[in-house]
Amino acid sequence: MNDTVLGHAQTASLTSDDLSAIAWAATRAPSVHNTQPWALRARPDGLEVHEDLTRALPVVDRFGRGRLISCGAATYSATVAVAHLGWAPQTALLPDPVNPRHLANVTARAPQPPTADDERLYAAIAHRRTHRRVFMPAPPRRDLTEALVEAVRGHGAWLHVVVPARRERLADLLWRAARAQADDEAFRAEIGGWLRVAGEGTDGVPIGSLGTAPYPIDGLVTGTLPAGEGTPEWVAEELGRATVAVLFTRGDDPADWLRAGMALQHLLLLATADGLVASFADQPVQQTRMRPELAATLGEPGHAQAIIRLGEPLVTVPPTPRRPLDEVFLR
């Protein structure tokens, strides 16, 4: 699938059904606490992706980094749908220098039959979940890991797969970050505002989707952590149930966050297509002061954008709710 900027080439004239299909794909992307912080505008040849500040998390995501990563993921899903419909997708990030909330254009260019890989990615959109449950112990899929590393590289990012020798150091950092969040009443309150009971709302995280393992591995912080010095041994043990990878970018500005989101969704769809599930252990990257320490812990020169756990599911999880398309489109 080609999602590079192609210049002033031929463009498609899409039907309303085409545009709805592309928008559907975009809105199935993961987002920080399922806030779905995007707004879409239809164009004859594709979609515009805009940032919806009414869905911001001023405590959890103070600088909007997670929000733009979420919108980058939606942008990538839109390109997958364009390819599925038989067009060569083109993506332009931050296309309007006057309007920084206009994050991306996804355009259908010349006719191009979808490849088998395009179709696998598109089929995975409906099945991808954030798996906030325990994983089955399983050895890393080295063949898939290599494919994920290569996919991420195509978006200007890179993936650091955490080796066992660094797992305890990562667990220590994760525990310290989780404790800082659990001790922050405003943080806990903001997270609590996005938890939903079954059948309630079209956004947020259903309580039934939360994990059964202790925070910070599978759940969201809703209370304080147990007292005690040091990191419990089970944190590293739970990390060891999955392949843990950290997504990095060279820079750390809005364009980098959007690229990170595109890379992340590409990775997640590839993993889903191969029968794996993913969750996030993003507490250290949500703590601004800890992001350099995370990079140093892993010996990386860039900026950490996401910590992903990939593995075999022990149980299935339901899909999270999504807003109807008529609420997502800009008028």
C-alpha atoms as a PDB file:
ATOM      1  CA  MET A   1       0.000   0.000   0.000  1.00  0.00           C
ATOM      2  CA  ASN A   2       1.389   3.391  -0.973  1.00  0.00           C
ATOM      3  CA  ASP A   3       0.573   6.218   1.410  1.00  0.00           C
ATOM      4  CA  THR A   4       3.301   8.657   0.428  1.00  0.00           C
ATOM      5  CA  VAL A   5       2.648  12.094  -0.977  1.00  0.00           C
ATOM      6  CA  LEU A   6       2.432  11.809  -4.746  1.00  0.00           C
ATOM      7  CA  GLY A   7       1.951  15.416  -5.799  1.00  0.00           C
ATOM      8  CA  HIS A   8      -0.789  16.705  -8.098  1.00  0.00           C
ATOM      9  CA  ALA A   9      -1.762  13.352  -9.583  1.00  0.00           C
ATOM     10  CA  GLN A  10      -5.156  12.090 -10.628  1.00  0.00           C
ATOM     11  CA  THR A  11      -7.702  12.008  -7.812  1.00  0.00           C
ATOM     12  CA  ALA A  12     -10.834   9.932  -7.309  1.00  0.00           C
ATOM     13  CA  SER A  13     -14.430  11.023  -7.144  1.00  0.00           C
ATOM     14  CA  LEU A  14     -15.733   9.047  -4.192  1.00  0.00           C
ATOM     15  CA  THR A  15     -19.347   8.157  -3.489  1.00  0.00           C
ATOM     16  CA  SER A  16     -21.056   8.839  -0.170  1.00  0.00           C
ATOM     17  CA  ASP A  17     -20.829   5.115   0.582  1.00  0.00           C
ATOM     18  CA  ASP A  18     -17.077   5.215  -0.094  1.00  0.00           C
ATOM     19  CA  LEU A  19     -16.639   8.145   2.258  1.00  0.00           C
ATOM     20  CA  SER A  20     -18.698   6.453   4.960  1.00  0.00           C
ATOM     21  CA  ALA A  21     -16.552   3.316   4.639  1.00  0.00           C
ATOM     22  CA  ILE A  22     -13.356   5.360   5.005  1.00  0.00           C
ATOM     23  CA  ALA A  23     -14.784   7.248   7.974  1.00  0.00           C
ATOM     24  CA  TRP A  24     -15.922   3.996   9.596  1.00  0.00           C
ATOM     25  CA  ALA A  25     -12.382   2.657   9.354  1.00  0.00           C
ATOM     26  CA  ALA A  26     -10.891   5.861  10.769  1.00  0.00           C
ATOM     27  CA  THR A  27     -13.198   5.862  13.780  1.00  0.00           C
ATOM     28  CA  ARG A  28     -12.291   2.276  14.715  1.00  0.00           C
ATOM     29  CA  ALA A  29      -8.740   3.339  15.531  1.00  0.00           C
ATOM     30  CA  PRO A  30      -7.540   3.177  19.141  1.00  0.00           C
ATOM     31  CA  SER A  31      -7.551   6.417  21.105  1.00  0.00           C
ATOM     32  CA  VAL A  32      -6.353   7.488  24.507  1.00  0.00           C
ATOM     33  CA  HIS A  33      -8.988   6.112  26.911  1.00  0.00           C
ATOM     34  CA  ASN A  34     -11.355   5.825  23.937  1.00  0.00           C
ATOM     35  CA  THR A  35     -11.928   9.558  23.844  1.00  0.00           C
ATOM     36  CA  GLN A  36     -12.093   9.406  20.025  1.00  0.00           C
ATOM     37  CA  PRO A  37     -10.586  12.907  19.714  1.00  0.00           C
ATOM     38  CA  TRP A  38     -11.047  13.305  15.963  1.00  0.00           C
ATOM     39  CA  ALA A  39     -13.421  15.178  13.706  1.00  0.00           C
ATOM     40  CA  LEU A  40     -13.726  14.376  10.016  1.00  0.00           C
ATOM     41  CA  ARG A  41     -14.628  16.421   6.961  1.00  0.00           C
ATOM     42  CA  ALA A  42     -15.624  14.749   3.701  1.00  0.00           C
ATOM     43  CA  ARG A  43     -13.999  15.811   0.441  1.00  0.00           C
ATOM     44  CA  PRO A  44     -14.851  14.573  -3.053  1.00  0.00           C
ATOM     45  CA  ASP A  45     -11.567  12.646  -3.087  1.00  0.00           C
ATOM     46  CA  GLY A  46     -11.153  11.657   0.571  1.00  0.00           C
ATOM     47  CA  LEU A  47     -11.272  12.847   4.162  1.00  0.00           C
ATOM     48  CA  GLU A  48      -9.794  15.559   6.314  1.00  0.00           C
ATOM     49  CA  VAL A  49      -8.836  14.581   9.870  1.00  0.00           C
ATOM     50  CA  HIS A  50      -9.149  17.329  12.474  1.00  0.00           C
ATOM     51  CA  GLU A  51      -8.393  17.465  16.183  1.00  0.00           C
ATOM     52  CA  ASP A  52     -11.441  17.700  18.472  1.00  0.00           C
ATOM     53  CA  LEU A  53     -10.357  19.692  21.512  1.00  0.00           C
ATOM     54  CA  THR A  54     -13.689  19.127  23.256  1.00  0.00           C
ATOM     55  CA  ARG A  55     -12.483  15.575  23.894  1.00  0.00           C
ATOM     56  CA  ALA A  56      -9.169  16.580  25.454  1.00  0.00           C
ATOM     57  CA  LEU A  57      -7.666  15.120  28.644  1.00  0.00           C
ATOM     58  CA  PRO A  58      -5.992  18.140  30.256  1.00  0.00           C
ATOM     59  CA  VAL A  59      -4.528  16.155  33.170  1.00  0.00           C
ATOM     60  CA  VAL A  60      -3.694  12.776  31.626  1.00  0.00           C
ATOM     61  CA  ASP A  61      -2.591  14.216  28.271  1.00  0.00           C
ATOM     62  CA  ARG A  62      -1.511  17.744  29.130  1.00  0.00           C
ATOM     63  CA  PHE A  63       0.274  18.527  25.855  1.00  0.00           C
ATOM     64  CA  GLY A  64      -2.087  16.643  23.532  1.00  0.00           C
ATOM     65  CA  ARG A  65       0.550  14.106  22.523  1.00  0.00           C
ATOM     66  CA  GLY A  66      -1.734  11.128  23.078  1.00  0.00           C
ATOM     67  CA  ARG A  67      -4.563  12.915  21.314  1.00  0.00           C
ATOM     68  CA  LEU A  68      -2.484  13.410  18.166  1.00  0.00           C
ATOM     69  CA  ILE A  69      -1.185   9.837  18.290  1.00  0.00           C
ATOM     70  CA  SER A  70      -4.843   8.766  18.358  1.00  0.00           C
ATOM     71  CA  CYS A  71      -5.626  10.958  15.342  1.00  0.00           C
ATOM     72  CA  GLY A  72      -2.584   9.559  13.529  1.00  0.00           C
ATOM     73  CA  ALA A  73      -3.950   6.064  14.107  1.00  0.00           C
ATOM     74  CA  ALA A  74      -7.296   7.137  12.638  1.00  0.00           C
ATOM     75  CA  THR A  75      -5.462   8.613   9.657  1.00  0.00           C
ATOM     76  CA  TYR A  76      -3.688   5.340   8.967  1.00  0.00           C
ATOM     77  CA  SER A  77      -6.932   3.364   9.168  1.00  0.00           C
ATOM     78  CA  ALA A  78      -8.420   5.732   6.600  1.00  0.00           C
ATOM     79  CA  THR A  79      -5.537   4.988   4.204  1.00  0.00           C
ATOM     80  CA  VAL A  80      -6.161   1.264   4.643  1.00  0.00           C
ATOM     81  CA  ALA A  81      -9.812   1.765   3.706  1.00  0.00           C
ATOM     82  CA  VAL A  82      -8.877   3.817   0.625  1.00  0.00           C
ATOM     83  CA  ALA A  83      -6.590   1.001  -0.522  1.00  0.00           C
ATOM     84  CA  HIS A  84      -9.336  -1.557   0.141  1.00  0.00           C
ATOM     85  CA  LEU A  85     -11.684   0.454  -2.088  1.00  0.00           C
ATOM     86  CA  GLY A  86      -9.219   0.224  -4.956  1.00  0.00           C
ATOM     87  CA  TRP A  87      -7.372   3.537  -4.883  1.00  0.00           C
ATOM     88  CA  ALA A  88      -3.810   4.555  -4.162  1.00  0.00           C
ATOM     89  CA  PRO A  89      -3.940   6.474  -0.862  1.00  0.00           C
ATOM     90  CA  GLN A  90      -2.005   9.686  -0.293  1.00  0.00           C
ATOM     91  CA  THR A  91      -1.532  11.200   3.149  1.00  0.00           C
ATOM     92  CA  ALA A  92      -0.583  14.806   3.862  1.00  0.00           C
ATOM     93  CA  LEU A  93       0.127  15.681   7.501  1.00  0.00           C
ATOM     94  CA  LEU A  94      -0.549  19.162   8.885  1.00  0.00           C
ATOM     95  CA  PRO A  95      -1.587  20.439   5.434  1.00  0.00           C
ATOM     96  CA  ASP A  96      -2.889  23.849   6.571  1.00  0.00           C
ATOM     97  CA  PRO A  97      -0.265  26.119   8.210  1.00  0.00           C
ATOM     98  CA  VAL A  98      -3.020  28.527   9.279  1.00  0.00           C
ATOM     99  CA  ASN A  99      -5.060  25.848  11.065  1.00  0.00           C
ATOM    100  CA  PRO A 100      -2.979  23.535  13.303  1.00  0.00           C
ATOM    101  CA  ARG A 101      -6.134  21.570  14.240  1.00  0.00           C
ATOM    102  CA  HIS A 102      -6.351  20.321  10.642  1.00  0.00           C
ATOM    103  CA  LEU A 103      -4.104  17.322  11.140  1.00  0.00           C
ATOM    104  CA  ALA A 104      -4.214  15.344   7.916  1.00  0.00           C
ATOM    105  CA  ASN A 105      -5.731  14.822   4.483  1.00  0.00           C
ATOM    106  CA  VAL A 106      -6.250  11.309   3.191  1.00  0.00           C
ATOM    107  CA  THR A 107      -6.772  11.374  -0.577  1.00  0.00           C
ATOM    108  CA  ALA A 108      -7.717   8.649  -3.046  1.00  0.00           C
ATOM    109  CA  ARG A 109      -5.453   9.010  -6.079  1.00  0.00           C
ATOM    110  CA  ALA A 110      -5.157   6.746  -9.122  1.00  0.00           C
ATOM    111  CA  PRO A 111      -7.078   3.462  -9.309  1.00  0.00           C
ATOM    112  CA  GLN A 112      -5.042   0.652  -7.805  1.00  0.00           C
ATOM    113  CA  PRO A 113      -6.298  -2.876  -7.085  1.00  0.00           C
ATOM    114  CA  PRO A 114      -5.891  -3.762  -3.406  1.00  0.00           C
ATOM    115  CA  THR A 115      -3.146  -6.218  -2.576  1.00  0.00           C
ATOM    116  CA  ALA A 116      -3.571  -9.235  -0.334  1.00  0.00           C
ATOM    117  CA  ASP A 117      -1.776  -7.278   2.415  1.00  0.00           C
ATOM    118  CA  ASP A 118      -4.193  -4.355   1.992  1.00  0.00           C
ATOM    119  CA  GLU A 119      -7.125  -6.707   2.434  1.00  0.00           C
ATOM    120  CA  ARG A 120      -5.617  -8.378   5.515  1.00  0.00           C
ATOM    121  CA  LEU A 121      -5.100  -5.000   7.165  1.00  0.00           C
ATOM    122  CA  TYR A 122      -8.606  -3.845   6.296  1.00  0.00           C
ATOM    123  CA  ALA A 123     -10.168  -7.033   7.679  1.00  0.00           C
ATOM    124  CA  ALA A 124      -8.219  -6.551  10.918  1.00  0.00           C
ATOM    125  CA  ILE A 125      -9.778  -3.120  11.579  1.00  0.00           C
ATOM    126  CA  ALA A 126     -13.041  -4.641  12.806  1.00  0.00           C
ATOM    127  CA  HIS A 127     -11.279  -7.156  15.059  1.00  0.00           C
ATOM    128  CA  ARG A 128      -8.596  -5.023  16.699  1.00  0.00           C
ATOM    129  CA  ARG A 129      -9.112  -4.490  20.426  1.00  0.00           C
ATOM    130  CA  THR A 130      -7.104  -3.021  23.265  1.00  0.00           C
ATOM    131  CA  HIS A 131      -6.762  -6.186  25.334  1.00  0.00           C
ATOM    132  CA  ARG A 132      -6.864  -5.100  28.991  1.00  0.00           C
ATOM    133  CA  ARG A 133      -6.805  -8.688  30.244  1.00  0.00           C
ATOM    134  CA  VAL A 134      -4.076 -11.165  31.134  1.00  0.00           C
ATOM    135  CA  PHE A 135      -2.141 -12.843  28.324  1.00  0.00           C
ATOM    136  CA  MET A 136      -1.265 -16.489  27.912  1.00  0.00           C
ATOM    137  CA  PRO A 137       2.435 -17.209  28.396  1.00  0.00           C
ATOM    138  CA  ALA A 138       3.845 -17.656  24.913  1.00  0.00           C
ATOM    139  CA  PRO A 139       7.243 -17.305  23.259  1.00  0.00           C
ATOM    140  CA  PRO A 140       7.791 -14.208  21.097  1.00  0.00           C
ATOM    141  CA  ARG A 141       6.831 -14.525  17.451  1.00  0.00           C
ATOM    142  CA  ARG A 142      10.168 -13.548  15.956  1.00  0.00           C
ATOM    143  CA  ASP A 143       8.907 -13.616  12.378  1.00  0.00           C
ATOM    144  CA  LEU A 144       6.063 -11.250  13.242  1.00  0.00           C
ATOM    145  CA  THR A 145       8.297  -9.040  15.379  1.00  0.00           C
ATOM    146  CA  GLU A 146      10.563  -8.498  12.385  1.00  0.00           C
ATOM    147  CA  ALA A 147       7.551  -7.568  10.251  1.00  0.00           C
ATOM    148  CA  LEU A 148       6.370  -5.092  12.880  1.00  0.00           C
ATOM    149  CA  VAL A 149       9.794  -3.476  13.100  1.00  0.00           C
ATOM    150  CA  GLU A 150       9.838  -3.050   9.324  1.00  0.00           C
ATOM    151  CA  ALA A 151       6.282  -1.661   9.181  1.00  0.00           C
ATOM    152  CA  VAL A 152       6.988   0.951  11.848  1.00  0.00           C
ATOM    153  CA  ARG A 153      10.174   2.027  10.069  1.00  0.00           C
ATOM    154  CA  GLY A 154       8.110   2.911   7.002  1.00  0.00           C
ATOM    155  CA  HIS A 155       6.428   5.696   8.988  1.00  0.00           C
ATOM    156  CA  GLY A 156       9.627   7.330  10.176  1.00  0.00           C
ATOM    157  CA  ALA A 157       9.548   5.640  13.587  1.00  0.00           C
ATOM    158  CA  TRP A 158      11.265   2.625  15.100  1.00  0.00           C
ATOM    159  CA  LEU A 159      10.439  -0.161  17.495  1.00  0.00           C
ATOM    160  CA  HIS A 160      12.586  -1.280  20.413  1.00  0.00           C
ATOM    161  CA  VAL A 161      11.714  -4.839  21.446  1.00  0.00           C
ATOM    162  CA  VAL A 162      12.544  -5.149  25.141  1.00  0.00           C
ATOM    163  CA  VAL A 163      14.903  -8.033  25.921  1.00  0.00           C
ATOM    164  CA  PRO A 164      14.529 -10.011  29.191  1.00  0.00           C
ATOM    165  CA  ALA A 165      17.688  -8.444  30.635  1.00  0.00           C
ATOM    166  CA  ARG A 166      15.982  -5.030  30.641  1.00  0.00           C
ATOM    167  CA  ARG A 167      12.570  -6.213  31.758  1.00  0.00           C
ATOM    168  CA  GLU A 168      13.133  -5.585  35.495  1.00  0.00           C
ATOM    169  CA  ARG A 169      14.388  -2.059  34.873  1.00  0.00           C
ATOM    170  CA  LEU A 170      11.316  -1.357  32.742  1.00  0.00           C
ATOM    171  CA  ALA A 171       9.101  -2.853  35.452  1.00  0.00           C
ATOM    172  CA  ASP A 172      10.665  -0.508  38.027  1.00  0.00           C
ATOM    173  CA  LEU A 173      10.002   2.502  35.813  1.00  0.00           C
ATOM    174  CA  LEU A 174       6.462   1.350  35.113  1.00  0.00           C
ATOM    175  CA  TRP A 175       5.727   0.895  38.809  1.00  0.00           C
ATOM    176  CA  ARG A 176       7.087   4.325  39.744  1.00  0.00           C
ATOM    177  CA  ALA A 177       5.046   5.974  36.996  1.00  0.00           C
ATOM    178  CA  ALA A 178       1.936   4.063  38.039  1.00  0.00           C
ATOM    179  CA  ARG A 179       2.412   5.100  41.670  1.00  0.00           C
ATOM    180  CA  ALA A 180       2.709   8.755  40.651  1.00  0.00           C
ATOM    181  CA  GLN A 181      -0.571   8.483  38.750  1.00  0.00           C
ATOM    182  CA  ALA A 182      -2.334   6.622  41.539  1.00  0.00           C
ATOM    183  CA  ASP A 183      -1.268   9.273  44.035  1.00  0.00           C
ATOM    184  CA  ASP A 184      -2.648  12.074  41.817  1.00  0.00           C
ATOM    185  CA  GLU A 185      -6.283  12.672  42.722  1.00  0.00           C
ATOM    186  CA  ALA A 186      -6.942  14.826  39.638  1.00  0.00           C
ATOM    187  CA  PHE A 187      -5.477  12.131  37.389  1.00  0.00           C
ATOM    188  CA  ARG A 188      -7.653   9.426  38.930  1.00  0.00           C
ATOM    189  CA  ALA A 189     -10.731  11.629  38.640  1.00  0.00           C
ATOM    190  CA  GLU A 190     -10.135  12.327  34.948  1.00  0.00           C
ATOM    191  CA  ILE A 191      -9.691   8.616  34.198  1.00  0.00           C
ATOM    192  CA  GLY A 192     -12.821   7.819  36.208  1.00  0.00           C
ATOM    193  CA  GLY A 193     -14.795  10.253  34.088  1.00  0.00           C
ATOM    194  CA  TRP A 194     -14.163   8.086  31.023  1.00  0.00           C
ATOM    195  CA  LEU A 195     -15.168   4.738  32.535  1.00  0.00           C
ATOM    196  CA  ARG A 196     -18.563   3.467  31.376  1.00  0.00           C
ATOM    197  CA  VAL A 197     -21.006   0.866  32.619  1.00  0.00           C
ATOM    198  CA  ALA A 198     -22.309  -1.656  30.089  1.00  0.00           C
ATOM    199  CA  GLY A 199     -24.402  -0.023  27.376  1.00  0.00           C
ATOM    200  CA  GLU A 200     -23.682   3.505  28.575  1.00  0.00           C
ATOM    201  CA  GLY A 201     -22.447   6.060  26.061  1.00  0.00           C
ATOM    202  CA  THR A 202     -20.634   5.857  22.743  1.00  0.00           C
ATOM    203  CA  ASP A 203     -17.133   6.555  24.038  1.00  0.00           C
ATOM    204  CA  GLY A 204     -14.933   5.799  27.032  1.00  0.00           C
ATOM    205  CA  VAL A 205     -13.748   2.460  28.409  1.00  0.00           C
ATOM    206  CA  PRO A 206     -16.412  -0.059  29.476  1.00  0.00           C
ATOM    207  CA  ILE A 207     -15.784  -1.340  32.974  1.00  0.00           C
ATOM    208  CA  GLY A 208     -16.283  -4.866  31.623  1.00  0.00           C
ATOM    209  CA  SER A 209     -13.229  -4.404  29.406  1.00  0.00           C
ATOM    210  CA  LEU A 210     -10.873  -3.799  32.309  1.00  0.00           C
ATOM    211  CA  GLY A 211      -8.386  -6.456  33.246  1.00  0.00           C
ATOM    212  CA  THR A 212      -8.291  -8.813  36.183  1.00  0.00           C
ATOM    213  CA  ALA A 213      -4.571  -8.438  36.845  1.00  0.00           C
ATOM    214  CA  PRO A 214      -3.551  -5.628  39.191  1.00  0.00           C
ATOM    215  CA  TYR A 215      -2.834  -2.148  37.851  1.00  0.00           C
ATOM    216  CA  PRO A 216      -0.590  -1.147  36.066  1.00  0.00           C
ATOM    217  CA  ILE A 217      -0.504  -4.244  33.840  1.00  0.00           C
ATOM    218  CA  ASP A 218      -4.068  -4.627  32.590  1.00  0.00           C
ATOM    219  CA  GLY A 219      -6.279  -1.982  34.147  1.00  0.00           C
ATOM    220  CA  LEU A 220      -6.731   1.750  34.543  1.00  0.00           C
ATOM    221  CA  VAL A 221      -5.904   3.528  37.749  1.00  0.00           C
ATOM    222  CA  THR A 222      -9.005   3.949  39.914  1.00  0.00           C
ATOM    223  CA  GLY A 223      -7.444   3.902  43.377  1.00  0.00           C
ATOM    224  CA  THR A 224      -4.168   4.003  45.259  1.00  0.00           C
ATOM    225  CA  LEU A 225      -1.520   1.308  45.034  1.00  0.00           C
ATOM    226  CA  PRO A 226      -0.550  -0.895  47.973  1.00  0.00           C
ATOM    227  CA  ALA A 227       2.066   0.488  50.304  1.00  0.00           C
ATOM    228  CA  GLY A 228       5.558  -0.895  50.320  1.00  0.00           C
ATOM    229  CA  GLU A 229       9.061  -0.237  49.103  1.00  0.00           C
ATOM    230  CA  GLY A 230      10.309  -1.397  45.748  1.00  0.00           C
ATOM    231  CA  THR A 231       8.604  -2.896  42.732  1.00  0.00           C
ATOM    232  CA  PRO A 232       6.611  -6.098  43.310  1.00  0.00           C
ATOM    233  CA  GLU A 233       8.059  -9.098  41.495  1.00  0.00           C
ATOM    234  CA  TRP A 234       4.782  -9.776  39.709  1.00  0.00           C
ATOM    235  CA  VAL A 235       5.132  -6.625  37.564  1.00  0.00           C
ATOM    236  CA  ALA A 236       8.144  -8.005  35.694  1.00  0.00           C
ATOM    237  CA  GLU A 237       6.549 -11.460  35.659  1.00  0.00           C
ATOM    238  CA  GLU A 238       3.419 -10.120  33.969  1.00  0.00           C
ATOM    239  CA  LEU A 239       5.511  -8.196  31.457  1.00  0.00           C
ATOM    240  CA  GLY A 240       7.226 -11.479  30.675  1.00  0.00           C
ATOM    241  CA  ARG A 241       3.939 -12.997  29.503  1.00  0.00           C
ATOM    242  CA  ALA A 242       4.071 -10.856  26.367  1.00  0.00           C
ATOM    243  CA  THR A 243       6.404  -9.302  23.864  1.00  0.00           C
ATOM    244  CA  VAL A 244       6.978  -5.754  25.080  1.00  0.00           C
ATOM    245  CA  ALA A 245       7.998  -3.102  22.564  1.00  0.00           C
ATOM    246  CA  VAL A 246       8.480   0.653  22.777  1.00  0.00           C
ATOM    247  CA  LEU A 247       7.699   2.921  19.835  1.00  0.00           C
ATOM    248  CA  PHE A 248      10.173   5.759  19.261  1.00  0.00           C
ATOM    249  CA  THR A 249      10.400   8.788  17.000  1.00  0.00           C
ATOM    250  CA  ARG A 250      13.388  10.976  16.254  1.00  0.00           C
ATOM    251  CA  GLY A 251      11.571  14.214  17.063  1.00  0.00           C
ATOM    252  CA  ASP A 252       8.779  15.087  19.465  1.00  0.00           C
ATOM    253  CA  ASP A 253       6.499  17.592  17.783  1.00  0.00           C
ATOM    254  CA  PRO A 254       2.926  17.278  16.424  1.00  0.00           C
ATOM    255  CA  ALA A 255       4.093  15.817  13.115  1.00  0.00           C
ATOM    256  CA  ASP A 256       6.101  13.168  14.999  1.00  0.00           C
ATOM    257  CA  TRP A 257       3.086  12.326  17.147  1.00  0.00           C
ATOM    258  CA  LEU A 258       0.929  11.864  14.055  1.00  0.00           C
ATOM    259  CA  ARG A 259       3.572   9.645  12.447  1.00  0.00           C
ATOM    260  CA  ALA A 260       3.785   7.651  15.673  1.00  0.00           C
ATOM    261  CA  GLY A 261       0.021   7.123  15.562  1.00  0.00           C
ATOM    262  CA  MET A 262       0.176   5.901  11.968  1.00  0.00           C
ATOM    263  CA  ALA A 263       3.034   3.550  12.830  1.00  0.00           C
ATOM    264  CA  LEU A 264       1.208   2.299  15.919  1.00  0.00           C
ATOM    265  CA  GLN A 265      -1.981   1.461  14.046  1.00  0.00           C
ATOM    266  CA  HIS A 266      -0.039  -0.276  11.272  1.00  0.00           C
ATOM    267  CA  LEU A 267       1.659  -2.396  13.944  1.00  0.00           C
ATOM    268  CA  LEU A 268      -1.629  -3.175  15.717  1.00  0.00           C
ATOM    269  CA  LEU A 269      -3.412  -4.209  12.532  1.00  0.00           C
ATOM    270  CA  LEU A 270      -0.549  -6.487  11.503  1.00  0.00           C
ATOM    271  CA  ALA A 271      -0.572  -8.117  14.936  1.00  0.00           C
ATOM    272  CA  THR A 272      -4.365  -8.510  14.854  1.00  0.00           C
ATOM    273  CA  ALA A 273      -4.217 -10.093  11.404  1.00  0.00           C
ATOM    274  CA  ASP A 274      -1.815 -12.696  12.841  1.00  0.00           C
ATOM    275  CA  GLY A 275      -4.074 -13.546  15.762  1.00  0.00           C
ATOM    276  CA  LEU A 276      -2.278 -11.558  18.473  1.00  0.00           C
ATOM    277  CA  VAL A 277      -3.713  -8.940  20.809  1.00  0.00           C
ATOM    278  CA  ALA A 278      -2.172  -5.800  22.235  1.00  0.00           C
ATOM    279  CA  SER A 279      -2.453  -3.563  25.252  1.00  0.00           C
ATOM    280  CA  PHE A 280      -0.545  -0.550  26.476  1.00  0.00           C
ATOM    281  CA  ALA A 281       1.634   0.096  29.512  1.00  0.00           C
ATOM    282  CA  ASP A 282       1.959   3.799  28.806  1.00  0.00           C
ATOM    283  CA  GLN A 283       2.302   5.119  32.353  1.00  0.00           C
ATOM    284  CA  PRO A 284       5.988   6.112  31.866  1.00  0.00           C
ATOM    285  CA  VAL A 285       5.302   7.948  28.597  1.00  0.00           C
ATOM    286  CA  GLN A 286       2.338   9.735  30.178  1.00  0.00           C
ATOM    287  CA  GLN A 287       4.731  11.158  32.789  1.00  0.00           C
ATOM    288  CA  THR A 288       6.708  13.784  30.860  1.00  0.00           C
ATOM    289  CA  ARG A 289       9.668  13.744  33.241  1.00  0.00           C
ATOM    290  CA  MET A 290      10.041   9.961  32.865  1.00  0.00           C
ATOM    291  CA  ARG A 291      10.196   9.789  29.069  1.00  0.00           C
ATOM    292  CA  PRO A 292      13.939  10.619  28.888  1.00  0.00           C
ATOM    293  CA  GLU A 293      14.621   8.048  31.608  1.00  0.00           C
ATOM    294  CA  LEU A 294      12.717   5.420  29.628  1.00  0.00           C
ATOM    295  CA  ALA A 295      14.795   6.165  26.519  1.00  0.00           C
ATOM    296  CA  ALA A 296      17.998   5.987  28.556  1.00  0.00           C
ATOM    297  CA  THR A 297      16.919   2.717  30.189  1.00  0.00           C
ATOM    298  CA  LEU A 298      16.550   1.164  26.746  1.00  0.00           C
ATOM    299  CA  GLY A 299      19.639   2.853  25.307  1.00  0.00           C
ATOM    300  CA  GLU A 300      17.665   4.699  22.630  1.00  0.00           C
ATOM    301  CA  PRO A 301      18.390   8.236  21.348  1.00  0.00           C
ATOM    302  CA  GLY A 302      14.812   9.166  20.435  1.00  0.00           C
ATOM    303  CA  HIS A 303      11.513   9.994  22.119  1.00  0.00           C
ATOM    304  CA  ALA A 304       9.335   7.194  23.476  1.00  0.00           C
ATOM    305  CA  GLN A 305       5.729   7.470  22.263  1.00  0.00           C
ATOM    306  CA  ALA A 306       4.058   4.198  23.334  1.00  0.00           C
ATOM    307  CA  ILE A 307       4.759   1.007  25.273  1.00  0.00           C
ATOM    308  CA  ILE A 308       2.962  -1.942  23.698  1.00  0.00           C
ATOM    309  CA  ARG A 309       2.388  -5.460  25.009  1.00  0.00           C
ATOM    310  CA  LEU A 310       1.741  -8.080  22.325  1.00  0.00           C
ATOM    311  CA  GLY A 311       0.705 -11.628  23.023  1.00  0.00           C
ATOM    312  CA  GLU A 312      -1.774 -14.481  22.877  1.00  0.00           C
ATOM    313  CA  PRO A 313      -5.211 -13.754  24.372  1.00  0.00           C
ATOM    314  CA  LEU A 314      -6.438 -15.859  27.276  1.00  0.00           C
ATOM    315  CA  VAL A 315     -10.023 -14.617  26.793  1.00  0.00           C
ATOM    316  CA  THR A 316     -11.796 -12.451  24.239  1.00  0.00           C
ATOM    317  CA  VAL A 317     -12.839  -8.912  25.035  1.00  0.00           C
ATOM    318  CA  PRO A 318     -15.818  -6.978  23.665  1.00  0.00           C
ATOM    319  CA  PRO A 319     -15.378  -4.003  21.339  1.00  0.00           C
ATOM    320  CA  THR A 320     -15.384  -0.564  22.891  1.00  0.00           C
ATOM    321  CA  PRO A 321     -18.236   1.749  21.859  1.00  0.00           C
ATOM    322  CA  ARG A 322     -17.901   4.199  18.993  1.00  0.00           C
ATOM    323  CA  ARG A 323     -19.703   7.443  18.248  1.00  0.00           C
ATOM    324  CA  PRO A 324     -22.039   7.378  15.245  1.00  0.00           C
ATOM    325  CA  LEU A 325     -20.550   8.905  12.125  1.00  0.00           C
ATOM    326  CA  ASP A 326     -22.990  11.812  12.067  1.00  0.00           C
ATOM    327  CA  GLU A 327     -21.455  12.995  15.348  1.00  0.00           C
ATOM    328  CA  VAL A 328     -17.924  12.756  13.979  1.00  0.00           C
ATOM    329  CA  PHE A 329     -18.326  14.696  10.743  1.00  0.00           C
ATOM    330  CA  LEU A 330     -17.756  18.435  10.807  1.00  0.00           C
ATOM    331  CA  ARG A 331     -20.703  20.423   9.515  1.00  0.00           C
END
